[in-house]
Amino acid sequence: MPRLRYIDEAETSAQNRQMIEAAKITGAPDPRVVSIMVRNPKAGVAWVEYWNKLLYHGVLPHRLKEMCRIKISVAHECGYCSSVRSHVAKAEGLTEDLVTELFDYEGCSHFSEREKTALRYADLFKKGEHAIDSDQVYADLAAHFTDEEIIELGLFCAETDGVGKFVKSLNVISWEEACELNPKLRRTSRHAGTRVRPPPSRQSDGGLAA
């Protein structure tokens, strides 16, 4: 059971219903989390609107952002975030087989170098702020992304990591329940975020473990 309740039908406004129905169509965010967030008519509703714009609009391909979201979500073992799938990304070819490949992406021929670069950045972002505080990190990104795309990728990873921690704590789906639904999650989580290390000059600073 979630630690915060879903909105009651009697409390639901036309805007709330529209957001919940839209979530059923897109698949991400899941209607259950939307049903919790919209109980706050200001901040919660604003977050759902912002997340939808960040996930489905912008200059980066939606499939690439969804891959980074899943990568970060499995790394912090959020049962809800790891099991949610965007129907739009599925239509763009993000199959469950490819999702499994995300956790050994360096050796996978199914991902472009641009996609691998984004996934490396997602790995580093999950390690903590010191891991991305490097000229080399941004030089690597600049080889495949414009400044506008890098801004979007950074904001997207920050939102995925930060809000993901909050959503994990709501216990909509526990990690154990998610692993029962998809046993591959438990195996792949052991590899999530292990490929890339912070630059040597920053390693001694530690970083925020999440």
N, C-alpha and C. Protein backbone atom coordinates (compact mmCIF):
# COMPACT_ATOMS: atom_id res chain seq x y z
N MET A 1 0.84 -1.20 0.00
CA MET A 1 0.00 0.00 0.00
C MET A 1 0.88 1.26 0.00
N PRO A 2 0.50 2.27 -0.77
CA PRO A 2 1.27 3.51 -0.76
C PRO A 2 1.16 4.21 0.59
N ARG A 3 2.18 4.96 0.94
CA ARG A 3 2.20 5.64 2.23
C ARG A 3 1.35 6.91 2.23
N LEU A 4 1.02 7.42 1.05
CA LEU A 4 0.08 8.52 0.91
C LEU A 4 -1.09 8.02 0.05
N ARG A 5 -2.30 8.42 0.38
CA ARG A 5 -3.46 7.88 -0.32
C ARG A 5 -3.66 8.52 -1.70
N TYR A 6 -4.36 7.79 -2.55
CA TYR A 6 -4.77 8.32 -3.84
C TYR A 6 -5.92 9.30 -3.65
N ILE A 7 -6.11 10.17 -4.63
CA ILE A 7 -7.20 11.14 -4.53
C ILE A 7 -8.55 10.42 -4.61
N ASP A 8 -9.51 10.88 -3.81
CA ASP A 8 -10.86 10.33 -3.85
C ASP A 8 -11.62 10.92 -5.03
N GLU A 9 -12.56 10.16 -5.56
CA GLU A 9 -13.36 10.63 -6.69
C GLU A 9 -14.06 11.95 -6.35
N ALA A 10 -14.52 12.07 -5.11
CA ALA A 10 -15.24 13.28 -4.69
C ALA A 10 -14.34 14.51 -4.70
N GLU A 11 -13.04 14.30 -4.58
CA GLU A 11 -12.08 15.42 -4.56
C GLU A 11 -11.59 15.80 -5.95
N THR A 12 -11.86 14.95 -6.93
CA THR A 12 -11.23 15.09 -8.23
C THR A 12 -11.87 16.18 -9.07
N SER A 13 -11.03 17.10 -9.55
CA SER A 13 -11.51 18.16 -10.43
C SER A 13 -11.41 17.69 -11.88
N ALA A 14 -11.93 18.48 -12.79
CA ALA A 14 -11.84 18.16 -14.22
C ALA A 14 -10.38 18.10 -14.65
N GLN A 15 -9.56 18.99 -14.12
CA GLN A 15 -8.13 18.99 -14.46
C GLN A 15 -7.45 17.73 -13.95
N ASN A 16 -7.79 17.33 -12.72
CA ASN A 16 -7.22 16.11 -12.14
C ASN A 16 -7.57 14.91 -13.01
N ARG A 17 -8.83 14.80 -13.38
CA ARG A 17 -9.28 13.66 -14.19
C ARG A 17 -8.56 13.64 -15.53
N GLN A 18 -8.38 14.81 -16.12
CA GLN A 18 -7.70 14.89 -17.40
C GLN A 18 -6.25 14.41 -17.28
N MET A 19 -5.57 14.78 -16.19
CA MET A 19 -4.19 14.37 -15.97
C MET A 19 -4.09 12.86 -15.75
N ILE A 20 -5.03 12.32 -14.98
CA ILE A 20 -5.01 10.87 -14.71
C ILE A 20 -5.29 10.09 -15.98
N GLU A 21 -6.24 10.55 -16.78
CA GLU A 21 -6.56 9.87 -18.04
C GLU A 21 -5.40 9.96 -19.01
N ALA A 22 -4.73 11.11 -19.05
CA ALA A 22 -3.56 11.27 -19.92
C ALA A 22 -2.45 10.30 -19.53
N ALA A 23 -2.29 10.09 -18.22
CA ALA A 23 -1.27 9.16 -17.74
C ALA A 23 -1.59 7.72 -18.16
N LYS A 24 -2.87 7.39 -18.20
CA LYS A 24 -3.26 6.04 -18.66
C LYS A 24 -2.86 5.84 -20.12
N ILE A 25 -2.95 6.90 -20.90
CA ILE A 25 -2.62 6.81 -22.32
C ILE A 25 -1.12 6.73 -22.55
N THR A 26 -0.35 7.58 -21.87
CA THR A 26 1.09 7.64 -22.11
C THR A 26 1.86 6.55 -21.35
N GLY A 27 1.34 6.13 -20.19
CA GLY A 27 2.02 5.11 -19.40
C GLY A 27 3.01 5.63 -18.41
N ALA A 28 3.55 6.82 -18.63
CA ALA A 28 4.51 7.42 -17.71
C ALA A 28 4.26 8.93 -17.68
N PRO A 29 4.04 9.50 -16.49
CA PRO A 29 3.99 8.84 -15.19
C PRO A 29 2.74 7.95 -15.08
N ASP A 30 2.83 6.97 -14.21
CA ASP A 30 1.74 6.04 -14.00
C ASP A 30 0.57 6.76 -13.32
N PRO A 31 -0.68 6.42 -13.67
CA PRO A 31 -1.84 7.09 -13.08
C PRO A 31 -1.88 7.05 -11.55
N ARG A 32 -1.28 6.03 -10.96
CA ARG A 32 -1.31 5.94 -9.50
C ARG A 32 -0.53 7.09 -8.86
N VAL A 33 0.64 7.38 -9.38
CA VAL A 33 1.43 8.48 -8.81
C VAL A 33 0.79 9.82 -9.13
N VAL A 34 0.22 9.96 -10.33
CA VAL A 34 -0.50 11.18 -10.65
C VAL A 34 -1.66 11.37 -9.68
N SER A 35 -2.34 10.27 -9.31
CA SER A 35 -3.47 10.33 -8.38
C SER A 35 -3.05 10.75 -6.98
N ILE A 36 -1.79 10.57 -6.65
CA ILE A 36 -1.27 11.07 -5.37
C ILE A 36 -0.85 12.53 -5.51
N MET A 37 -0.09 12.84 -6.56
CA MET A 37 0.46 14.18 -6.72
C MET A 37 -0.62 15.25 -6.83
N VAL A 38 -1.70 14.97 -7.56
CA VAL A 38 -2.71 16.00 -7.79
C VAL A 38 -3.54 16.32 -6.54
N ARG A 39 -3.33 15.59 -5.47
CA ARG A 39 -3.97 15.96 -4.21
C ARG A 39 -3.45 17.31 -3.71
N ASN A 40 -2.25 17.69 -4.16
CA ASN A 40 -1.76 19.05 -3.91
C ASN A 40 -2.08 19.87 -5.16
N PRO A 41 -3.09 20.74 -5.09
CA PRO A 41 -3.57 21.42 -6.30
C PRO A 41 -2.60 22.45 -6.88
N LYS A 42 -1.57 22.78 -6.14
CA LYS A 42 -0.59 23.76 -6.64
C LYS A 42 0.70 23.04 -7.05
N ALA A 43 1.49 22.65 -6.06
CA ALA A 43 2.80 22.06 -6.35
C ALA A 43 2.69 20.72 -7.06
N GLY A 44 1.75 19.87 -6.60
CA GLY A 44 1.61 18.54 -7.19
C GLY A 44 1.18 18.60 -8.64
N VAL A 45 0.18 19.42 -8.92
CA VAL A 45 -0.30 19.58 -10.30
C VAL A 45 0.79 20.20 -11.16
N ALA A 46 1.50 21.19 -10.61
CA ALA A 46 2.59 21.84 -11.37
C ALA A 46 3.68 20.84 -11.71
N TRP A 47 3.97 19.92 -10.77
CA TRP A 47 5.01 18.92 -11.07
C TRP A 47 4.56 17.99 -12.20
N VAL A 48 3.32 17.53 -12.18
CA VAL A 48 2.85 16.64 -13.24
C VAL A 48 2.94 17.33 -14.59
N GLU A 49 2.56 18.60 -14.64
CA GLU A 49 2.65 19.36 -15.89
C GLU A 49 4.10 19.50 -16.35
N TYR A 50 4.98 19.83 -15.41
CA TYR A 50 6.40 19.98 -15.75
C TYR A 50 7.01 18.67 -16.22
N TRP A 51 6.72 17.58 -15.50
CA TRP A 51 7.30 16.28 -15.85
C TRP A 51 6.86 15.83 -17.25
N ASN A 52 5.59 16.04 -17.55
CA ASN A 52 5.10 15.66 -18.87
C ASN A 52 5.79 16.45 -19.98
N LYS A 53 6.01 17.74 -19.73
CA LYS A 53 6.71 18.56 -20.73
C LYS A 53 8.16 18.11 -20.88
N LEU A 54 8.81 17.81 -19.76
CA LEU A 54 10.21 17.41 -19.80
C LEU A 54 10.38 16.05 -20.45
N LEU A 55 9.46 15.13 -20.18
CA LEU A 55 9.58 13.77 -20.70
C LEU A 55 9.17 13.67 -22.17
N TYR A 56 8.10 14.36 -22.54
CA TYR A 56 7.54 14.15 -23.88
C TYR A 56 7.82 15.26 -24.88
N HIS A 57 8.36 16.36 -24.41
CA HIS A 57 8.65 17.48 -25.31
C HIS A 57 10.13 17.84 -25.20
N GLY A 58 10.53 18.91 -25.83
CA GLY A 58 11.93 19.29 -25.79
C GLY A 58 12.65 18.91 -27.07
N VAL A 59 13.97 18.93 -27.02
CA VAL A 59 14.78 18.69 -28.22
C VAL A 59 15.37 17.29 -28.28
N LEU A 60 15.40 16.59 -27.17
CA LEU A 60 15.96 15.23 -27.16
C LEU A 60 14.90 14.20 -27.54
N PRO A 61 15.32 13.09 -28.18
CA PRO A 61 14.36 12.02 -28.48
C PRO A 61 13.77 11.45 -27.19
N HIS A 62 12.47 11.19 -27.21
CA HIS A 62 11.81 10.65 -26.03
C HIS A 62 12.40 9.30 -25.62
N ARG A 63 12.69 8.44 -26.60
CA ARG A 63 13.23 7.12 -26.29
C ARG A 63 14.55 7.24 -25.51
N LEU A 64 15.40 8.18 -25.88
CA LEU A 64 16.68 8.35 -25.19
C LEU A 64 16.45 8.77 -23.74
N LYS A 65 15.53 9.69 -23.52
CA LYS A 65 15.25 10.13 -22.15
C LYS A 65 14.66 8.99 -21.32
N GLU A 66 13.79 8.20 -21.93
CA GLU A 66 13.19 7.08 -21.21
C GLU A 66 14.25 6.05 -20.81
N MET A 67 15.24 5.82 -21.67
CA MET A 67 16.32 4.90 -21.33
C MET A 67 17.10 5.41 -20.13
N CYS A 68 17.40 6.71 -20.11
CA CYS A 68 18.13 7.29 -18.98
C CYS A 68 17.30 7.22 -17.70
N ARG A 69 15.98 7.44 -17.83
CA ARG A 69 15.11 7.37 -16.65
C ARG A 69 15.11 5.98 -16.04
N ILE A 70 14.98 4.97 -16.87
CA ILE A 70 14.96 3.59 -16.37
C ILE A 70 16.31 3.24 -15.77
N LYS A 71 17.39 3.67 -16.40
CA LYS A 71 18.74 3.38 -15.90
C LYS A 71 18.93 3.92 -14.48
N ILE A 72 18.55 5.17 -14.27
CA ILE A 72 18.68 5.79 -12.95
C ILE A 72 17.72 5.13 -11.96
N SER A 73 16.51 4.83 -12.39
CA SER A 73 15.50 4.25 -11.50
C SER A 73 15.92 2.90 -10.96
N VAL A 74 16.49 2.05 -11.83
CA VAL A 74 16.95 0.74 -11.37
C VAL A 74 18.15 0.88 -10.46
N ALA A 75 19.00 1.88 -10.73
CA ALA A 75 20.18 2.09 -9.89
C ALA A 75 19.80 2.40 -8.45
N HIS A 76 18.71 3.14 -8.23
CA HIS A 76 18.31 3.37 -6.83
C HIS A 76 17.17 2.46 -6.39
N GLU A 77 16.94 1.40 -7.16
CA GLU A 77 16.02 0.32 -6.80
C GLU A 77 14.63 0.85 -6.41
N CYS A 78 14.11 1.72 -7.26
CA CYS A 78 12.74 2.18 -7.08
C CYS A 78 11.83 1.22 -7.83
N GLY A 79 11.04 0.46 -7.09
CA GLY A 79 10.17 -0.53 -7.72
C GLY A 79 9.18 0.09 -8.67
N TYR A 80 8.59 1.22 -8.27
CA TYR A 80 7.61 1.90 -9.12
C TYR A 80 8.27 2.40 -10.40
N CYS A 81 9.31 3.24 -10.25
CA CYS A 81 9.93 3.88 -11.41
C CYS A 81 10.56 2.86 -12.36
N SER A 82 11.07 1.76 -11.81
CA SER A 82 11.74 0.75 -12.63
C SER A 82 10.76 -0.08 -13.44
N SER A 83 9.53 -0.16 -12.98
CA SER A 83 8.55 -1.01 -13.66
C SER A 83 7.62 -0.22 -14.58
N VAL A 84 7.59 1.10 -14.42
CA VAL A 84 6.76 1.94 -15.28
C VAL A 84 7.39 2.02 -16.66
N ARG A 85 6.57 1.96 -17.71
CA ARG A 85 7.06 2.06 -19.08
C ARG A 85 6.21 3.05 -19.86
N SER A 86 6.89 3.92 -20.57
CA SER A 86 6.21 4.86 -21.46
C SER A 86 5.72 4.12 -22.70
N HIS A 87 4.41 4.22 -22.98
CA HIS A 87 3.87 3.61 -24.18
C HIS A 87 4.45 4.28 -25.43
N VAL A 88 4.78 5.56 -25.31
CA VAL A 88 5.36 6.28 -26.44
C VAL A 88 6.74 5.72 -26.78
N ALA A 89 7.55 5.45 -25.75
CA ALA A 89 8.88 4.88 -25.97
C ALA A 89 8.78 3.48 -26.56
N LYS A 90 7.79 2.72 -26.11
CA LYS A 90 7.57 1.38 -26.69
C LYS A 90 7.29 1.49 -28.18
N ALA A 91 6.48 2.47 -28.56
CA ALA A 91 6.16 2.68 -29.97
C ALA A 91 7.38 3.11 -30.76
N GLU A 92 8.36 3.70 -30.07
CA GLU A 92 9.60 4.12 -30.72
C GLU A 92 10.65 3.02 -30.70
N GLY A 93 10.26 1.81 -30.28
CA GLY A 93 11.16 0.67 -30.36
C GLY A 93 11.88 0.28 -29.10
N LEU A 94 11.51 0.86 -27.95
CA LEU A 94 12.17 0.49 -26.69
C LEU A 94 11.49 -0.75 -26.12
N THR A 95 11.99 -1.91 -26.52
CA THR A 95 11.43 -3.18 -26.07
C THR A 95 12.03 -3.57 -24.72
N GLU A 96 11.43 -4.58 -24.07
CA GLU A 96 11.98 -5.06 -22.80
C GLU A 96 13.35 -5.69 -22.99
N ASP A 97 13.59 -6.29 -24.14
CA ASP A 97 14.93 -6.83 -24.42
C ASP A 97 15.96 -5.71 -24.43
N LEU A 98 15.60 -4.57 -25.03
CA LEU A 98 16.53 -3.43 -25.03
C LEU A 98 16.70 -2.85 -23.63
N VAL A 99 15.62 -2.84 -22.86
CA VAL A 99 15.72 -2.36 -21.47
C VAL A 99 16.74 -3.19 -20.71
N THR A 100 16.71 -4.51 -20.89
CA THR A 100 17.68 -5.38 -20.23
C THR A 100 19.10 -5.06 -20.68
N GLU A 101 19.26 -4.73 -21.95
CA GLU A 101 20.58 -4.40 -22.49
C GLU A 101 21.14 -3.09 -21.92
N LEU A 102 20.26 -2.26 -21.34
CA LEU A 102 20.73 -0.99 -20.78
C LEU A 102 21.82 -1.18 -19.73
N PHE A 103 21.81 -2.33 -19.08
CA PHE A 103 22.71 -2.52 -17.95
C PHE A 103 24.03 -3.16 -18.35
N ASP A 104 24.21 -3.35 -19.66
CA ASP A 104 25.51 -3.73 -20.20
C ASP A 104 25.67 -3.01 -21.54
N TYR A 105 25.29 -1.72 -21.51
CA TYR A 105 25.19 -0.96 -22.76
C TYR A 105 26.51 -0.76 -23.48
N GLU A 106 27.62 -0.74 -22.75
CA GLU A 106 28.91 -0.48 -23.39
C GLU A 106 29.24 -1.53 -24.46
N GLY A 107 28.86 -2.77 -24.18
CA GLY A 107 29.16 -3.83 -25.13
C GLY A 107 28.03 -4.17 -26.06
N CYS A 108 26.98 -3.33 -26.06
CA CYS A 108 25.78 -3.63 -26.86
C CYS A 108 25.80 -2.86 -28.17
N SER A 109 25.62 -3.56 -29.26
CA SER A 109 25.63 -2.92 -30.59
C SER A 109 24.30 -2.28 -30.94
N HIS A 110 23.28 -2.48 -30.09
CA HIS A 110 21.96 -1.93 -30.38
C HIS A 110 21.85 -0.45 -30.05
N PHE A 111 22.83 0.08 -29.30
CA PHE A 111 22.80 1.49 -28.92
C PHE A 111 23.84 2.26 -29.70
N SER A 112 23.48 3.46 -30.14
CA SER A 112 24.42 4.33 -30.83
C SER A 112 25.40 4.92 -29.83
N GLU A 113 26.50 5.50 -30.33
CA GLU A 113 27.47 6.12 -29.44
C GLU A 113 26.84 7.32 -28.72
N ARG A 114 25.94 7.99 -29.40
CA ARG A 114 25.22 9.11 -28.77
C ARG A 114 24.38 8.61 -27.60
N GLU A 115 23.68 7.50 -27.77
CA GLU A 115 22.88 6.94 -26.68
C GLU A 115 23.77 6.46 -25.54
N LYS A 116 24.88 5.84 -25.87
CA LYS A 116 25.80 5.37 -24.83
C LYS A 116 26.36 6.55 -24.04
N THR A 117 26.64 7.66 -24.72
CA THR A 117 27.15 8.84 -24.04
C THR A 117 26.12 9.37 -23.04
N ALA A 118 24.85 9.38 -23.44
CA ALA A 118 23.79 9.81 -22.52
C ALA A 118 23.67 8.87 -21.33
N LEU A 119 23.78 7.58 -21.57
CA LEU A 119 23.69 6.60 -20.49
C LEU A 119 24.88 6.72 -19.54
N ARG A 120 26.08 7.02 -20.08
CA ARG A 120 27.24 7.24 -19.20
C ARG A 120 26.98 8.44 -18.30
N TYR A 121 26.41 9.49 -18.88
CA TYR A 121 26.10 10.68 -18.09
C TYR A 121 25.07 10.35 -17.01
N ALA A 122 24.06 9.55 -17.35
CA ALA A 122 23.07 9.15 -16.35
C ALA A 122 23.74 8.36 -15.23
N ASP A 123 24.68 7.48 -15.57
CA ASP A 123 25.43 6.74 -14.56
C ASP A 123 26.17 7.69 -13.63
N LEU A 124 26.87 8.65 -14.22
CA LEU A 124 27.63 9.61 -13.43
C LEU A 124 26.72 10.45 -12.55
N PHE A 125 25.59 10.88 -13.11
CA PHE A 125 24.65 11.70 -12.36
C PHE A 125 24.17 10.97 -11.11
N LYS A 126 23.93 9.68 -11.26
CA LYS A 126 23.46 8.89 -10.13
C LYS A 126 24.52 8.77 -9.04
N LYS A 127 25.79 8.86 -9.41
CA LYS A 127 26.86 8.72 -8.42
C LYS A 127 26.97 9.94 -7.50
N GLY A 128 26.52 11.09 -7.96
CA GLY A 128 26.61 12.29 -7.13
C GLY A 128 27.15 13.46 -7.91
N GLU A 129 27.02 14.65 -7.32
CA GLU A 129 27.36 15.86 -8.07
C GLU A 129 28.82 15.95 -8.45
N HIS A 130 29.71 15.37 -7.64
CA HIS A 130 31.14 15.45 -7.96
C HIS A 130 31.48 14.65 -9.22
N ALA A 131 30.71 13.64 -9.51
CA ALA A 131 31.00 12.80 -10.66
C ALA A 131 30.80 13.53 -11.99
N ILE A 132 29.88 14.50 -12.02
CA ILE A 132 29.65 15.23 -13.27
C ILE A 132 30.36 16.58 -13.30
N ASP A 133 31.03 16.93 -12.20
CA ASP A 133 31.73 18.22 -12.11
C ASP A 133 33.10 18.08 -12.75
N SER A 134 33.12 17.99 -14.07
CA SER A 134 34.36 17.71 -14.80
C SER A 134 34.29 18.28 -16.21
N ASP A 135 35.37 18.93 -16.63
CA ASP A 135 35.45 19.42 -18.02
C ASP A 135 35.35 18.27 -19.01
N GLN A 136 35.95 17.13 -18.66
CA GLN A 136 35.95 15.99 -19.58
C GLN A 136 34.54 15.45 -19.80
N VAL A 137 33.74 15.43 -18.74
CA VAL A 137 32.37 14.95 -18.87
C VAL A 137 31.63 15.78 -19.91
N TYR A 138 31.80 17.09 -19.84
CA TYR A 138 31.07 17.96 -20.77
C TYR A 138 31.69 17.99 -22.15
N ALA A 139 32.98 17.73 -22.23
CA ALA A 139 33.60 17.58 -23.55
C ALA A 139 33.07 16.33 -24.25
N ASP A 140 32.92 15.26 -23.48
CA ASP A 140 32.37 14.02 -24.04
C ASP A 140 30.93 14.24 -24.52
N LEU A 141 30.14 14.96 -23.72
CA LEU A 141 28.76 15.25 -24.13
C LEU A 141 28.72 16.11 -25.38
N ALA A 142 29.61 17.10 -25.44
CA ALA A 142 29.60 18.05 -26.56
C ALA A 142 29.94 17.38 -27.89
N ALA A 143 30.58 16.21 -27.83
CA ALA A 143 30.90 15.49 -29.07
C ALA A 143 29.65 14.93 -29.73
N HIS A 144 28.54 14.82 -28.97
CA HIS A 144 27.32 14.20 -29.50
C HIS A 144 26.05 15.04 -29.29
N PHE A 145 26.13 16.06 -28.45
CA PHE A 145 24.94 16.83 -28.11
C PHE A 145 25.21 18.33 -28.21
N THR A 146 24.18 19.09 -28.58
CA THR A 146 24.27 20.54 -28.57
C THR A 146 24.13 21.03 -27.12
N ASP A 147 24.44 22.31 -26.91
CA ASP A 147 24.27 22.87 -25.57
C ASP A 147 22.81 22.75 -25.11
N GLU A 148 21.87 23.00 -26.02
CA GLU A 148 20.45 22.91 -25.67
C GLU A 148 20.09 21.49 -25.23
N GLU A 149 20.65 20.50 -25.92
CA GLU A 149 20.37 19.11 -25.56
C GLU A 149 21.00 18.74 -24.22
N ILE A 150 22.19 19.26 -23.96
CA ILE A 150 22.86 18.98 -22.68
C ILE A 150 22.07 19.57 -21.52
N ILE A 151 21.54 20.77 -21.69
CA ILE A 151 20.70 21.38 -20.65
C ILE A 151 19.50 20.49 -20.35
N GLU A 152 18.86 20.01 -21.41
CA GLU A 152 17.68 19.15 -21.22
C GLU A 152 18.05 17.83 -20.56
N LEU A 153 19.16 17.23 -20.98
CA LEU A 153 19.60 15.97 -20.39
C LEU A 153 19.92 16.14 -18.91
N GLY A 154 20.60 17.23 -18.56
CA GLY A 154 20.93 17.48 -17.17
C GLY A 154 19.70 17.69 -16.31
N LEU A 155 18.76 18.50 -16.80
CA LEU A 155 17.53 18.73 -16.06
C LEU A 155 16.73 17.44 -15.92
N PHE A 156 16.73 16.63 -16.97
CA PHE A 156 15.97 15.38 -16.95
C PHE A 156 16.56 14.41 -15.94
N CYS A 157 17.87 14.26 -15.92
CA CYS A 157 18.51 13.35 -14.96
C CYS A 157 18.29 13.85 -13.53
N ALA A 158 18.36 15.17 -13.34
CA ALA A 158 18.14 15.72 -12.00
C ALA A 158 16.73 15.44 -11.51
N GLU A 159 15.76 15.61 -12.40
CA GLU A 159 14.36 15.36 -12.03
C GLU A 159 14.12 13.88 -11.76
N THR A 160 14.68 13.03 -12.61
CA THR A 160 14.51 11.59 -12.45
C THR A 160 15.10 11.12 -11.12
N ASP A 161 16.28 11.60 -10.80
CA ASP A 161 16.96 11.17 -9.57
C ASP A 161 16.26 11.72 -8.33
N GLY A 162 15.99 13.03 -8.34
CA GLY A 162 15.42 13.67 -7.15
C GLY A 162 14.01 13.23 -6.84
N VAL A 163 13.10 13.39 -7.79
CA VAL A 163 11.70 13.00 -7.56
C VAL A 163 11.59 11.48 -7.42
N GLY A 164 12.48 10.75 -8.13
CA GLY A 164 12.46 9.29 -8.02
C GLY A 164 12.68 8.82 -6.60
N LYS A 165 13.52 9.51 -5.85
CA LYS A 165 13.75 9.14 -4.45
C LYS A 165 12.48 9.34 -3.63
N PHE A 166 11.80 10.44 -3.89
CA PHE A 166 10.54 10.71 -3.18
C PHE A 166 9.49 9.66 -3.54
N VAL A 167 9.34 9.38 -4.83
CA VAL A 167 8.34 8.41 -5.28
C VAL A 167 8.66 7.02 -4.74
N LYS A 168 9.93 6.67 -4.70
CA LYS A 168 10.31 5.37 -4.12
C LYS A 168 9.80 5.25 -2.69
N SER A 169 9.95 6.34 -1.93
CA SER A 169 9.55 6.31 -0.52
C SER A 169 8.04 6.22 -0.34
N LEU A 170 7.27 6.53 -1.37
CA LEU A 170 5.82 6.42 -1.28
C LEU A 170 5.34 4.97 -1.29
N ASN A 171 6.21 4.06 -1.76
CA ASN A 171 5.94 2.63 -1.73
C ASN A 171 4.69 2.24 -2.55
N VAL A 172 4.53 2.89 -3.70
CA VAL A 172 3.43 2.51 -4.60
C VAL A 172 3.64 1.07 -5.07
N ILE A 173 4.87 0.78 -5.47
CA ILE A 173 5.30 -0.60 -5.75
C ILE A 173 6.66 -0.77 -5.08
N SER A 174 6.79 -1.74 -4.19
CA SER A 174 8.07 -1.97 -3.53
C SER A 174 9.05 -2.61 -4.51
N TRP A 175 10.34 -2.53 -4.19
CA TRP A 175 11.35 -3.16 -5.05
C TRP A 175 11.12 -4.66 -5.15
N GLU A 176 10.72 -5.28 -4.04
CA GLU A 176 10.47 -6.73 -4.03
C GLU A 176 9.30 -7.08 -4.96
N GLU A 177 8.24 -6.27 -4.92
CA GLU A 177 7.10 -6.51 -5.81
C GLU A 177 7.49 -6.33 -7.26
N ALA A 178 8.31 -5.32 -7.54
CA ALA A 178 8.75 -5.08 -8.92
C ALA A 178 9.59 -6.24 -9.43
N CYS A 179 10.43 -6.79 -8.57
CA CYS A 179 11.28 -7.92 -8.97
C CYS A 179 10.46 -9.19 -9.18
N GLU A 180 9.35 -9.31 -8.48
CA GLU A 180 8.45 -10.44 -8.73
C GLU A 180 7.79 -10.30 -10.09
N LEU A 181 7.44 -9.06 -10.45
CA LEU A 181 6.83 -8.80 -11.75
C LEU A 181 7.83 -8.99 -12.88
N ASN A 182 9.06 -8.57 -12.63
CA ASN A 182 10.12 -8.67 -13.63
C ASN A 182 11.41 -9.11 -12.97
N PRO A 183 11.66 -10.43 -12.89
CA PRO A 183 12.85 -10.95 -12.19
C PRO A 183 14.17 -10.40 -12.74
N LYS A 184 14.17 -9.91 -13.97
CA LYS A 184 15.41 -9.37 -14.55
C LYS A 184 15.87 -8.12 -13.81
N LEU A 185 14.96 -7.43 -13.16
CA LEU A 185 15.33 -6.20 -12.46
C LEU A 185 16.37 -6.46 -11.38
N ARG A 186 16.16 -7.53 -10.60
CA ARG A 186 17.09 -7.80 -9.50
C ARG A 186 18.49 -8.08 -10.03
N ARG A 187 18.55 -8.81 -11.14
CA ARG A 187 19.85 -9.14 -11.72
C ARG A 187 20.51 -7.90 -12.32
N THR A 188 19.74 -7.11 -13.05
CA THR A 188 20.32 -5.96 -13.72
C THR A 188 20.70 -4.86 -12.74
N SER A 189 20.01 -4.77 -11.60
CA SER A 189 20.32 -3.71 -10.65
C SER A 189 21.73 -3.85 -10.10
N ARG A 190 22.27 -5.05 -10.11
CA ARG A 190 23.64 -5.25 -9.62
C ARG A 190 24.66 -4.58 -10.51
N HIS A 191 24.27 -4.39 -11.78
CA HIS A 191 25.20 -3.79 -12.74
C HIS A 191 24.91 -2.32 -12.97
N ALA A 192 23.77 -1.83 -12.52
CA ALA A 192 23.38 -0.46 -12.82
C ALA A 192 24.35 0.53 -12.19
N GLY A 193 24.86 1.42 -13.00
CA GLY A 193 25.73 2.47 -12.50
C GLY A 193 27.13 2.03 -12.16
N THR A 194 27.58 0.84 -12.59
CA THR A 194 28.91 0.37 -12.21
C THR A 194 29.95 0.57 -13.31
N ARG A 195 29.52 1.03 -14.47
CA ARG A 195 30.44 1.11 -15.60
C ARG A 195 31.37 2.30 -15.54
N VAL A 196 30.88 3.43 -15.03
CA VAL A 196 31.63 4.67 -15.14
C VAL A 196 32.04 5.15 -13.76
N ARG A 197 33.27 5.62 -13.64
CA ARG A 197 33.77 6.14 -12.37
C ARG A 197 33.97 7.65 -12.47
N PRO A 198 33.88 8.38 -11.36
CA PRO A 198 34.16 9.81 -11.40
C PRO A 198 35.59 10.06 -11.85
N PRO A 199 35.89 11.23 -12.41
CA PRO A 199 37.26 11.55 -12.80
C PRO A 199 38.20 11.39 -11.61
N PRO A 200 39.43 10.90 -11.81
CA PRO A 200 40.35 10.63 -10.70
C PRO A 200 40.54 11.81 -9.76
N SER A 201 40.57 13.03 -10.31
CA SER A 201 40.81 14.20 -9.47
C SER A 201 39.68 14.46 -8.49
N ARG A 202 38.51 13.85 -8.74
CA ARG A 202 37.35 14.08 -7.89
C ARG A 202 37.03 12.90 -6.99
N GLN A 203 37.66 11.78 -7.20
CA GLN A 203 37.29 10.56 -6.46
C GLN A 203 37.43 10.74 -4.96
N SER A 204 38.46 11.48 -4.54
CA SER A 204 38.69 11.62 -3.11
C SER A 204 37.61 12.45 -2.42
N ASP A 205 36.82 13.21 -3.25
CA ASP A 205 35.77 14.03 -2.65
C ASP A 205 34.54 13.24 -2.27
N GLY A 206 34.50 11.99 -2.75
CA GLY A 206 33.37 11.14 -2.39
C GLY A 206 32.19 11.34 -3.30
N GLY A 207 31.28 12.22 -2.94
CA GLY A 207 30.03 12.40 -3.71
C GLY A 207 28.86 11.91 -2.87
N LEU A 208 27.69 12.26 -3.27
CA LEU A 208 26.51 11.87 -2.51
C LEU A 208 26.01 10.54 -2.98
N ALA A 209 26.10 9.53 -2.15
CA ALA A 209 25.56 8.21 -2.50
C ALA A 209 24.05 8.26 -2.33
N ALA A 210 23.34 7.68 -3.31
CA ALA A 210 21.89 7.70 -3.21
C ALA A 210 21.37 6.28 -3.25
